[in-house]
Amino acid sequence: MGALALLSIALARRWRTATTLVAIGWIATSLALALVVMVSREPLMRRVDPEVARTIADAAYGLAARNLYYEIAIAVGVGVLMLVVSAVTLAFGRRRAR
């Protein structure tokens, strides 16, 4: 996904606009994934019948969710960094033009 984002930015005529759009999309998608991970826990755990299996499934889901939250945090961080870089280059580009 990162390679496609870099390729789309590299091939864009307006790379600042492309960077901003990719960053906003990346952040929105990451937050939507975090919401799905948070909301889907209870419906998935209701499907597991025996109490012992439910405990094991809950622990496995918790471990997987925690790792996903780390990945989501990294993706949001990269998106915010892309937005900051885009804003800084816009500010310096306007100063140079004057």
PDB file of N, CA and C in Angstrom:
ATOM      1  N   MET A   1       0.822  -1.176   0.000  1.00  0.00           N
ATOM      2  CA  MET A   1       0.000   0.000   0.000  1.00  0.00           C
ATOM      3  C   MET A   1       0.871   1.246   0.000  1.00  0.00           C
ATOM      4  N   GLY A   2       1.952   1.192   0.746  1.00  0.00           N
ATOM      5  CA  GLY A   2       2.869   2.322   0.792  1.00  0.00           C
ATOM      6  C   GLY A   2       3.521   2.566  -0.557  1.00  0.00           C
ATOM      7  N   ALA A   3       3.855   1.473  -1.261  1.00  0.00           N
ATOM      8  CA  ALA A   3       4.477   1.622  -2.581  1.00  0.00           C
ATOM      9  C   ALA A   3       3.508   2.267  -3.571  1.00  0.00           C
ATOM     10  N   LEU A   4       2.245   1.883  -3.512  1.00  0.00           N
ATOM     11  CA  LEU A   4       1.252   2.507  -4.395  1.00  0.00           C
ATOM     12  C   LEU A   4       1.044   3.983  -4.061  1.00  0.00           C
ATOM     13  N   ALA A   5       1.080   4.311  -2.783  1.00  0.00           N
ATOM     14  CA  ALA A   5       0.947   5.716  -2.380  1.00  0.00           C
ATOM     15  C   ALA A   5       2.131   6.532  -2.892  1.00  0.00           C
ATOM     16  N   LEU A   6       3.345   6.000  -2.740  1.00  0.00           N
ATOM     17  CA  LEU A   6       4.526   6.703  -3.242  1.00  0.00           C
ATOM     18  C   LEU A   6       4.509   6.837  -4.754  1.00  0.00           C
ATOM     19  N   LEU A   7       4.062   5.800  -5.436  1.00  0.00           N
ATOM     20  CA  LEU A   7       3.976   5.855  -6.894  1.00  0.00           C
ATOM     21  C   LEU A   7       2.954   6.883  -7.352  1.00  0.00           C
ATOM     22  N   SER A   8       1.819   6.944  -6.681  1.00  0.00           N
ATOM     23  CA  SER A   8       0.799   7.921  -7.072  1.00  0.00           C
ATOM     24  C   SER A   8       1.273   9.348  -6.813  1.00  0.00           C
ATOM     25  N   ILE A   9       2.026   9.554  -5.748  1.00  0.00           N
ATOM     26  CA  ILE A   9       2.565  10.889  -5.469  1.00  0.00           C
ATOM     27  C   ILE A   9       3.646  11.243  -6.485  1.00  0.00           C
ATOM     28  N   ALA A  10       4.507  10.279  -6.805  1.00  0.00           N
ATOM     29  CA  ALA A  10       5.598  10.541  -7.747  1.00  0.00           C
ATOM     30  C   ALA A  10       5.081  10.849  -9.154  1.00  0.00           C
ATOM     31  N   LEU A  11       3.975  10.220  -9.556  1.00  0.00           N
ATOM     32  CA  LEU A  11       3.454  10.416 -10.904  1.00  0.00           C
ATOM     33  C   LEU A  11       2.474  11.580 -11.016  1.00  0.00           C
ATOM     34  N   ALA A  12       2.118  12.184  -9.896  1.00  0.00           N
ATOM     35  CA  ALA A  12       1.131  13.268  -9.915  1.00  0.00           C
ATOM     36  C   ALA A  12       1.764  14.565 -10.415  1.00  0.00           C
ATOM     37  N   ARG A  13       0.968  15.353 -11.092  1.00  0.00           N
ATOM     38  CA  ARG A  13       1.453  16.669 -11.521  1.00  0.00           C
ATOM     39  C   ARG A  13       1.564  17.609 -10.335  1.00  0.00           C
ATOM     40  N   ARG A  14       0.579  17.555  -9.465  1.00  0.00           N
ATOM     41  CA  ARG A  14       0.601  18.359  -8.251  1.00  0.00           C
ATOM     42  C   ARG A  14       0.883  17.426  -7.086  1.00  0.00           C
ATOM     43  N   TRP A  15       2.161  17.259  -6.762  1.00  0.00           N
ATOM     44  CA  TRP A  15       2.533  16.272  -5.757  1.00  0.00           C
ATOM     45  C   TRP A  15       2.069  16.673  -4.361  1.00  0.00           C
ATOM     46  N   ARG A  16       1.965  17.958  -4.074  1.00  0.00           N
ATOM     47  CA  ARG A  16       1.513  18.387  -2.752  1.00  0.00           C
ATOM     48  C   ARG A  16       0.046  18.014  -2.544  1.00  0.00           C
ATOM     49  N   THR A  17      -0.766  18.220  -3.563  1.00  0.00           N
ATOM     50  CA  THR A  17      -2.177  17.845  -3.480  1.00  0.00           C
ATOM     51  C   THR A  17      -2.318  16.328  -3.369  1.00  0.00           C
ATOM     52  N   ALA A  18      -1.532  15.614  -4.137  1.00  0.00           N
ATOM     53  CA  ALA A  18      -1.577  14.151  -4.079  1.00  0.00           C
ATOM     54  C   ALA A  18      -1.148  13.645  -2.702  1.00  0.00           C
ATOM     55  N   THR A  19      -0.111  14.266  -2.128  1.00  0.00           N
ATOM     56  CA  THR A  19       0.350  13.869  -0.800  1.00  0.00           C
ATOM     57  C   THR A  19      -0.730  14.114   0.242  1.00  0.00           C
ATOM     58  N   THR A  20      -1.384  15.265   0.146  1.00  0.00           N
ATOM     59  CA  THR A  20      -2.436  15.592   1.096  1.00  0.00           C
ATOM     60  C   THR A  20      -3.607  14.623   0.985  1.00  0.00           C
ATOM     61  N   LEU A  21      -4.017  14.319  -0.234  1.00  0.00           N
ATOM     62  CA  LEU A  21      -5.141  13.401  -0.428  1.00  0.00           C
ATOM     63  C   LEU A  21      -4.804  11.984   0.036  1.00  0.00           C
ATOM     64  N   VAL A  22      -3.595  11.532  -0.264  1.00  0.00           N
ATOM     65  CA  VAL A  22      -3.184  10.203   0.193  1.00  0.00           C
ATOM     66  C   VAL A  22      -3.145  10.162   1.718  1.00  0.00           C
ATOM     67  N   ALA A  23      -2.629  11.220   2.338  1.00  0.00           N
ATOM     68  CA  ALA A  23      -2.550  11.249   3.805  1.00  0.00           C
ATOM     69  C   ALA A  23      -3.932  11.254   4.438  1.00  0.00           C
ATOM     70  N   ILE A  24      -4.849  12.047   3.904  1.00  0.00           N
ATOM     71  CA  ILE A  24      -6.206  12.088   4.450  1.00  0.00           C
ATOM     72  C   ILE A  24      -6.893  10.730   4.279  1.00  0.00           C
ATOM     73  N   GLY A  25      -6.728  10.122   3.125  1.00  0.00           N
ATOM     74  CA  GLY A  25      -7.303   8.798   2.897  1.00  0.00           C
ATOM     75  C   GLY A  25      -6.702   7.743   3.801  1.00  0.00           C
ATOM     76  N   TRP A  26      -5.406   7.834   4.011  1.00  0.00           N
ATOM     77  CA  TRP A  26      -4.705   6.885   4.865  1.00  0.00           C
ATOM     78  C   TRP A  26      -5.204   7.000   6.308  1.00  0.00           C
ATOM     79  N   ILE A  27      -5.330   8.226   6.799  1.00  0.00           N
ATOM     80  CA  ILE A  27      -5.799   8.449   8.163  1.00  0.00           C
ATOM     81  C   ILE A  27      -7.251   7.996   8.314  1.00  0.00           C
ATOM     82  N   ALA A  28      -8.103   8.341   7.355  1.00  0.00           N
ATOM     83  CA  ALA A  28      -9.515   7.952   7.434  1.00  0.00           C
ATOM     84  C   ALA A  28      -9.670   6.430   7.405  1.00  0.00           C
ATOM     85  N   THR A  29      -8.929   5.764   6.545  1.00  0.00           N
ATOM     86  CA  THR A  29      -8.997   4.310   6.459  1.00  0.00           C
ATOM     87  C   THR A  29      -8.492   3.662   7.746  1.00  0.00           C
ATOM     88  N   SER A  30      -7.433   4.195   8.303  1.00  0.00           N
ATOM     89  CA  SER A  30      -6.886   3.646   9.547  1.00  0.00           C
ATOM     90  C   SER A  30      -7.859   3.806  10.700  1.00  0.00           C
ATOM     91  N   LEU A  31      -8.475   4.965  10.790  1.00  0.00           N
ATOM     92  CA  LEU A  31      -9.447   5.171  11.866  1.00  0.00           C
ATOM     93  C   LEU A  31     -10.689   4.309  11.681  1.00  0.00           C
ATOM     94  N   ALA A  32     -11.096   4.102  10.434  1.00  0.00           N
ATOM     95  CA  ALA A  32     -12.232   3.204  10.173  1.00  0.00           C
ATOM     96  C   ALA A  32     -11.884   1.766  10.567  1.00  0.00           C
ATOM     97  N   LEU A  33     -10.665   1.340  10.280  1.00  0.00           N
ATOM     98  CA  LEU A  33     -10.235  -0.002  10.678  1.00  0.00           C
ATOM     99  C   LEU A  33     -10.210  -0.135  12.193  1.00  0.00           C
ATOM    100  N   ALA A  34      -9.728   0.888  12.887  1.00  0.00           N
ATOM    101  CA  ALA A  34      -9.716   0.849  14.353  1.00  0.00           C
ATOM    102  C   ALA A  34     -11.138   0.735  14.893  1.00  0.00           C
ATOM    103  N   LEU A  35     -12.062   1.454  14.300  1.00  0.00           N
ATOM    104  CA  LEU A  35     -13.453   1.388  14.732  1.00  0.00           C
ATOM    105  C   LEU A  35     -14.033  -0.012  14.509  1.00  0.00           C
ATOM    106  N   VAL A  36     -13.735  -0.608  13.373  1.00  0.00           N
ATOM    107  CA  VAL A  36     -14.226  -1.964  13.083  1.00  0.00           C
ATOM    108  C   VAL A  36     -13.648  -2.970  14.073  1.00  0.00           C
ATOM    109  N   VAL A  37     -12.366  -2.836  14.385  1.00  0.00           N
ATOM    110  CA  VAL A  37     -11.737  -3.762  15.333  1.00  0.00           C
ATOM    111  C   VAL A  37     -12.375  -3.622  16.714  1.00  0.00           C
ATOM    112  N   MET A  38     -12.664  -2.389  17.128  1.00  0.00           N
ATOM    113  CA  MET A  38     -13.274  -2.179  18.446  1.00  0.00           C
ATOM    114  C   MET A  38     -14.703  -2.699  18.496  1.00  0.00           C
ATOM    115  N   VAL A  39     -15.483  -2.462  17.451  1.00  0.00           N
ATOM    116  CA  VAL A  39     -16.904  -2.808  17.460  1.00  0.00           C
ATOM    117  C   VAL A  39     -17.137  -4.296  17.233  1.00  0.00           C
ATOM    118  N   SER A  40     -16.275  -4.953  16.496  1.00  0.00           N
ATOM    119  CA  SER A  40     -16.541  -6.335  16.107  1.00  0.00           C
ATOM    120  C   SER A  40     -16.187  -7.361  17.185  1.00  0.00           C
ATOM    121  N   ARG A  41     -15.543  -6.948  18.246  1.00  0.00           N
ATOM    122  CA  ARG A  41     -15.133  -7.922  19.263  1.00  0.00           C
ATOM    123  C   ARG A  41     -16.328  -8.658  19.868  1.00  0.00           C
ATOM    124  N   GLU A  42     -17.307  -7.935  20.354  1.00  0.00           N
ATOM    125  CA  GLU A  42     -18.439  -8.559  21.043  1.00  0.00           C
ATOM    126  C   GLU A  42     -19.267  -9.471  20.125  1.00  0.00           C
ATOM    127  N   PRO A  43     -19.638  -9.052  18.920  1.00  0.00           N
ATOM    128  CA  PRO A  43     -20.388  -9.974  18.055  1.00  0.00           C
ATOM    129  C   PRO A  43     -19.611 -11.244  17.708  1.00  0.00           C
ATOM    130  N   LEU A  44     -18.313 -11.123  17.555  1.00  0.00           N
ATOM    131  CA  LEU A  44     -17.521 -12.320  17.253  1.00  0.00           C
ATOM    132  C   LEU A  44     -17.405 -13.242  18.458  1.00  0.00           C
ATOM    133  N   MET A  45     -17.292 -12.688  19.635  1.00  0.00           N
ATOM    134  CA  MET A  45     -17.168 -13.515  20.842  1.00  0.00           C
ATOM    135  C   MET A  45     -18.492 -14.209  21.185  1.00  0.00           C
ATOM    136  N   ARG A  46     -19.612 -13.631  20.817  1.00  0.00           N
ATOM    137  CA  ARG A  46     -20.914 -14.262  21.072  1.00  0.00           C
ATOM    138  C   ARG A  46     -21.080 -15.554  20.280  1.00  0.00           C
ATOM    139  N   ARG A  47     -20.397 -15.684  19.169  1.00  0.00           N
ATOM    140  CA  ARG A  47     -20.528 -16.876  18.328  1.00  0.00           C
ATOM    141  C   ARG A  47     -19.812 -18.096  18.919  1.00  0.00           C
ATOM    142  N   VAL A  48     -18.865 -17.875  19.825  1.00  0.00           N
ATOM    143  CA  VAL A  48     -18.109 -18.980  20.424  1.00  0.00           C
ATOM    144  C   VAL A  48     -18.907 -19.514  21.605  1.00  0.00           C
ATOM    145  N   ASP A  49     -19.226 -20.814  21.578  1.00  0.00           N
ATOM    146  CA  ASP A  49     -20.127 -21.386  22.578  1.00  0.00           C
ATOM    147  C   ASP A  49     -19.485 -21.763  23.912  1.00  0.00           C
ATOM    148  N   PRO A  50     -18.584 -22.711  23.968  1.00  0.00           N
ATOM    149  CA  PRO A  50     -18.094 -23.132  25.292  1.00  0.00           C
ATOM    150  C   PRO A  50     -17.309 -22.008  25.978  1.00  0.00           C
ATOM    151  N   GLU A  51     -17.409 -21.971  27.295  1.00  0.00           N
ATOM    152  CA  GLU A  51     -16.760 -20.899  28.075  1.00  0.00           C
ATOM    153  C   GLU A  51     -15.240 -20.930  27.930  1.00  0.00           C
ATOM    154  N   VAL A  52     -14.655 -22.125  27.915  1.00  0.00           N
ATOM    155  CA  VAL A  52     -13.203 -22.245  27.777  1.00  0.00           C
ATOM    156  C   VAL A  52     -12.765 -21.738  26.403  1.00  0.00           C
ATOM    157  N   ALA A  53     -13.490 -22.129  25.376  1.00  0.00           N
ATOM    158  CA  ALA A  53     -13.149 -21.671  24.026  1.00  0.00           C
ATOM    159  C   ALA A  53     -13.334 -20.162  23.909  1.00  0.00           C
ATOM    160  N   ARG A  54     -14.328 -19.625  24.593  1.00  0.00           N
ATOM    161  CA  ARG A  54     -14.561 -18.172  24.556  1.00  0.00           C
ATOM    162  C   ARG A  54     -13.388 -17.434  25.198  1.00  0.00           C
ATOM    163  N   THR A  55     -12.864 -17.972  26.286  1.00  0.00           N
ATOM    164  CA  THR A  55     -11.718 -17.353  26.954  1.00  0.00           C
ATOM    165  C   THR A  55     -10.499 -17.347  26.039  1.00  0.00           C
ATOM    166  N   ILE A  56     -10.262 -18.474  25.391  1.00  0.00           N
ATOM    167  CA  ILE A  56      -9.121 -18.573  24.471  1.00  0.00           C
ATOM    168  C   ILE A  56      -9.326 -17.653  23.273  1.00  0.00           C
ATOM    169  N   ALA A  57     -10.514 -17.636  22.722  1.00  0.00           N
ATOM    170  CA  ALA A  57     -10.800 -16.778  21.578  1.00  0.00           C
ATOM    171  C   ALA A  57     -10.682 -15.303  21.947  1.00  0.00           C
ATOM    172  N   ASP A  58     -11.111 -14.955  23.154  1.00  0.00           N
ATOM    173  CA  ASP A  58     -11.015 -13.573  23.614  1.00  0.00           C
ATOM    174  C   ASP A  58      -9.554 -13.155  23.759  1.00  0.00           C
ATOM    175  N   ALA A  59      -8.734 -14.053  24.285  1.00  0.00           N
ATOM    176  CA  ALA A  59      -7.304 -13.747  24.424  1.00  0.00           C
ATOM    177  C   ALA A  59      -6.638 -13.607  23.053  1.00  0.00           C
ATOM    178  N   ALA A  60      -6.995 -14.488  22.130  1.00  0.00           N
ATOM    179  CA  ALA A  60      -6.423 -14.409  20.777  1.00  0.00           C
ATOM    180  C   ALA A  60      -6.860 -13.134  20.072  1.00  0.00           C
ATOM    181  N   TYR A  61      -8.128 -12.777  20.230  1.00  0.00           N
ATOM    182  CA  TYR A  61      -8.626 -11.544  19.618  1.00  0.00           C
ATOM    183  C   TYR A  61      -7.931 -10.328  20.223  1.00  0.00           C
ATOM    184  N   GLY A  62      -7.742 -10.341  21.536  1.00  0.00           N
ATOM    185  CA  GLY A  62      -7.061  -9.235  22.200  1.00  0.00           C
ATOM    186  C   GLY A  62      -5.643  -9.058  21.711  1.00  0.00           C
ATOM    187  N   LEU A  63      -4.925 -10.169  21.525  1.00  0.00           N
ATOM    188  CA  LEU A  63      -3.554 -10.103  21.018  1.00  0.00           C
ATOM    189  C   LEU A  63      -3.522  -9.577  19.592  1.00  0.00           C
ATOM    190  N   ALA A  64      -4.409 -10.094  18.754  1.00  0.00           N
ATOM    191  CA  ALA A  64      -4.458  -9.632  17.368  1.00  0.00           C
ATOM    192  C   ALA A  64      -4.866  -8.163  17.290  1.00  0.00           C
ATOM    193  N   ALA A  65      -5.836  -7.774  18.116  1.00  0.00           N
ATOM    194  CA  ALA A  65      -6.294  -6.380  18.105  1.00  0.00           C
ATOM    195  C   ALA A  65      -5.191  -5.450  18.573  1.00  0.00           C
ATOM    196  N   ARG A  66      -4.447  -5.856  19.597  1.00  0.00           N
ATOM    197  CA  ARG A  66      -3.360  -5.002  20.086  1.00  0.00           C
ATOM    198  C   ARG A  66      -2.315  -4.781  18.997  1.00  0.00           C
ATOM    199  N   ASN A  67      -1.959  -5.839  18.277  1.00  0.00           N
ATOM    200  CA  ASN A  67      -0.999  -5.689  17.186  1.00  0.00           C
ATOM    201  C   ASN A  67      -1.564  -4.816  16.069  1.00  0.00           C
ATOM    202  N   LEU A  68      -2.848  -4.954  15.789  1.00  0.00           N
ATOM    203  CA  LEU A  68      -3.475  -4.100  14.777  1.00  0.00           C
ATOM    204  C   LEU A  68      -3.492  -2.642  15.213  1.00  0.00           C
ATOM    205  N   TYR A  69      -3.724  -2.402  16.496  1.00  0.00           N
ATOM    206  CA  TYR A  69      -3.720  -1.026  16.991  1.00  0.00           C
ATOM    207  C   TYR A  69      -2.340  -0.394  16.826  1.00  0.00           C
ATOM    208  N   TYR A  70      -1.267  -1.171  17.039  1.00  0.00           N
ATOM    209  CA  TYR A  70       0.083  -0.644  16.804  1.00  0.00           C
ATOM    210  C   TYR A  70       0.264  -0.264  15.337  1.00  0.00           C
ATOM    211  N   GLU A  71      -0.170  -1.146  14.455  1.00  0.00           N
ATOM    212  CA  GLU A  71      -0.047  -0.868  13.023  1.00  0.00           C
ATOM    213  C   GLU A  71      -0.890   0.338  12.620  1.00  0.00           C
ATOM    214  N   ILE A  72      -2.065   0.460  13.185  1.00  0.00           N
ATOM    215  CA  ILE A  72      -2.944   1.603  12.888  1.00  0.00           C
ATOM    216  C   ILE A  72      -2.301   2.896  13.390  1.00  0.00           C
ATOM    217  N   ALA A  73      -1.705   2.844  14.575  1.00  0.00           N
ATOM    218  CA  ALA A  73      -1.036   4.033  15.110  1.00  0.00           C
ATOM    219  C   ALA A  73       0.119   4.462  14.215  1.00  0.00           C
ATOM    220  N   ILE A  74       0.862   3.510  13.697  1.00  0.00           N
ATOM    221  CA  ILE A  74       1.957   3.834  12.779  1.00  0.00           C
ATOM    222  C   ILE A  74       1.407   4.452  11.499  1.00  0.00           C
ATOM    223  N   ALA A  75       0.332   3.882  10.963  1.00  0.00           N
ATOM    224  CA  ALA A  75      -0.260   4.425   9.726  1.00  0.00           C
ATOM    225  C   ALA A  75      -0.794   5.838   9.937  1.00  0.00           C
ATOM    226  N   VAL A  76      -1.439   6.085  11.072  1.00  0.00           N
ATOM    227  CA  VAL A  76      -1.942   7.430  11.364  1.00  0.00           C
ATOM    228  C   VAL A  76      -0.764   8.389  11.540  1.00  0.00           C
ATOM    229  N   GLY A  77       0.281   7.947  12.201  1.00  0.00           N
ATOM    230  CA  GLY A  77       1.468   8.780  12.376  1.00  0.00           C
ATOM    231  C   GLY A  77       2.106   9.160  11.052  1.00  0.00           C
ATOM    232  N   VAL A  78       2.196   8.196  10.139  1.00  0.00           N
ATOM    233  CA  VAL A  78       2.750   8.484   8.809  1.00  0.00           C
ATOM    234  C   VAL A  78       1.849   9.457   8.059  1.00  0.00           C
ATOM    235  N   GLY A  79       0.546   9.280   8.171  1.00  0.00           N
ATOM    236  CA  GLY A  79      -0.385  10.195   7.515  1.00  0.00           C
ATOM    237  C   GLY A  79      -0.274  11.611   8.045  1.00  0.00           C
ATOM    238  N   VAL A  80      -0.160  11.737   9.362  1.00  0.00           N
ATOM    239  CA  VAL A  80      -0.010  13.071   9.967  1.00  0.00           C
ATOM    240  C   VAL A  80       1.325  13.690   9.542  1.00  0.00           C
ATOM    241  N   LEU A  81       2.371  12.888   9.500  1.00  0.00           N
ATOM    242  CA  LEU A  81       3.672  13.384   9.048  1.00  0.00           C
ATOM    243  C   LEU A  81       3.604  13.863   7.598  1.00  0.00           C
ATOM    244  N   MET A  82       2.882  13.138   6.765  1.00  0.00           N
ATOM    245  CA  MET A  82       2.710  13.553   5.369  1.00  0.00           C
ATOM    246  C   MET A  82       1.967  14.881   5.294  1.00  0.00           C
ATOM    247  N   LEU A  83       0.941  15.051   6.115  1.00  0.00           N
ATOM    248  CA  LEU A  83       0.212  16.322   6.135  1.00  0.00           C
ATOM    249  C   LEU A  83       1.090  17.471   6.604  1.00  0.00           C
ATOM    250  N   VAL A  84       1.912  17.223   7.611  1.00  0.00           N
ATOM    251  CA  VAL A  84       2.814  18.264   8.115  1.00  0.00           C
ATOM    252  C   VAL A  84       3.831  18.649   7.051  1.00  0.00           C
ATOM    253  N   VAL A  85       4.413  17.674   6.394  1.00  0.00           N
ATOM    254  CA  VAL A  85       5.390  17.965   5.333  1.00  0.00           C
ATOM    255  C   VAL A  85       4.730  18.743   4.204  1.00  0.00           C
ATOM    256  N   SER A  86       3.535  18.363   3.839  1.00  0.00           N
ATOM    257  CA  SER A  86       2.818  19.080   2.786  1.00  0.00           C
ATOM    258  C   SER A  86       2.533  20.519   3.197  1.00  0.00           C
ATOM    259  N   ALA A  87       2.124  20.742   4.428  1.00  0.00           N
ATOM    260  CA  ALA A  87       1.840  22.101   4.903  1.00  0.00           C
ATOM    261  C   ALA A  87       3.107  22.943   4.994  1.00  0.00           C
ATOM    262  N   VAL A  88       4.193  22.342   5.459  1.00  0.00           N
ATOM    263  CA  VAL A  88       5.453  23.089   5.570  1.00  0.00           C
ATOM    264  C   VAL A  88       5.981  23.471   4.199  1.00  0.00           C
ATOM    265  N   THR A  89       5.927  22.556   3.251  1.00  0.00           N
ATOM    266  CA  THR A  89       6.402  22.898   1.902  1.00  0.00           C
ATOM    267  C   THR A  89       5.508  23.945   1.251  1.00  0.00           C
ATOM    268  N   LEU A  90       4.229  23.916   1.555  1.00  0.00           N
ATOM    269  CA  LEU A  90       3.333  24.948   1.036  1.00  0.00           C
ATOM    270  C   LEU A  90       3.691  26.308   1.627  1.00  0.00           C
ATOM    271  N   ALA A  91       3.963  26.349   2.923  1.00  0.00           N
ATOM    272  CA  ALA A  91       4.306  27.618   3.575  1.00  0.00           C
ATOM    273  C   ALA A  91       5.627  28.164   3.048  1.00  0.00           C
ATOM    274  N   PHE A  92       6.628  27.324   2.907  1.00  0.00           N
ATOM    275  CA  PHE A  92       7.917  27.792   2.402  1.00  0.00           C
ATOM    276  C   PHE A  92       7.860  28.109   0.918  1.00  0.00           C
ATOM    277  N   GLY A  93       7.029  27.393   0.174  1.00  0.00           N
ATOM    278  CA  GLY A  93       6.879  27.676  -1.258  1.00  0.00           C
ATOM    279  C   GLY A  93       6.249  29.039  -1.500  1.00  0.00           C
ATOM    280  N   ARG A  94       5.308  29.416  -0.667  1.00  0.00           N
ATOM    281  CA  ARG A  94       4.675  30.728  -0.801  1.00  0.00           C
ATOM    282  C   ARG A  94       5.618  31.838  -0.379  1.00  0.00           C
ATOM    283  N   ARG A  95       6.456  31.597   0.605  1.00  0.00           N
ATOM    284  CA  ARG A  95       7.412  32.615   1.031  1.00  0.00           C
ATOM    285  C   ARG A  95       8.451  32.874  -0.060  1.00  0.00           C
ATOM    286  N   ARG A  96       8.914  31.832  -0.715  1.00  0.00           N
ATOM    287  CA  ARG A  96       9.897  31.970  -1.769  1.00  0.00           C
ATOM    288  C   ARG A  96       9.337  32.687  -2.985  1.00  0.00           C
ATOM    289  N   ALA A  97       8.049  32.496  -3.242  1.00  0.00           N
ATOM    290  CA  ALA A  97       7.412  33.100  -4.413  1.00  0.00           C
ATOM    291  C   ALA A  97       7.301  34.611  -4.273  1.00  0.00           C
ATOM    292  N   ARG A  98       7.282  35.109  -3.076  1.00  0.00           N
ATOM    293  CA  ARG A  98       7.140  36.563  -2.859  1.00  0.00           C
ATOM    294  C   ARG A  98       8.367  37.286  -3.143  1.00  0.00           C
TER     295      ARG A  98
END
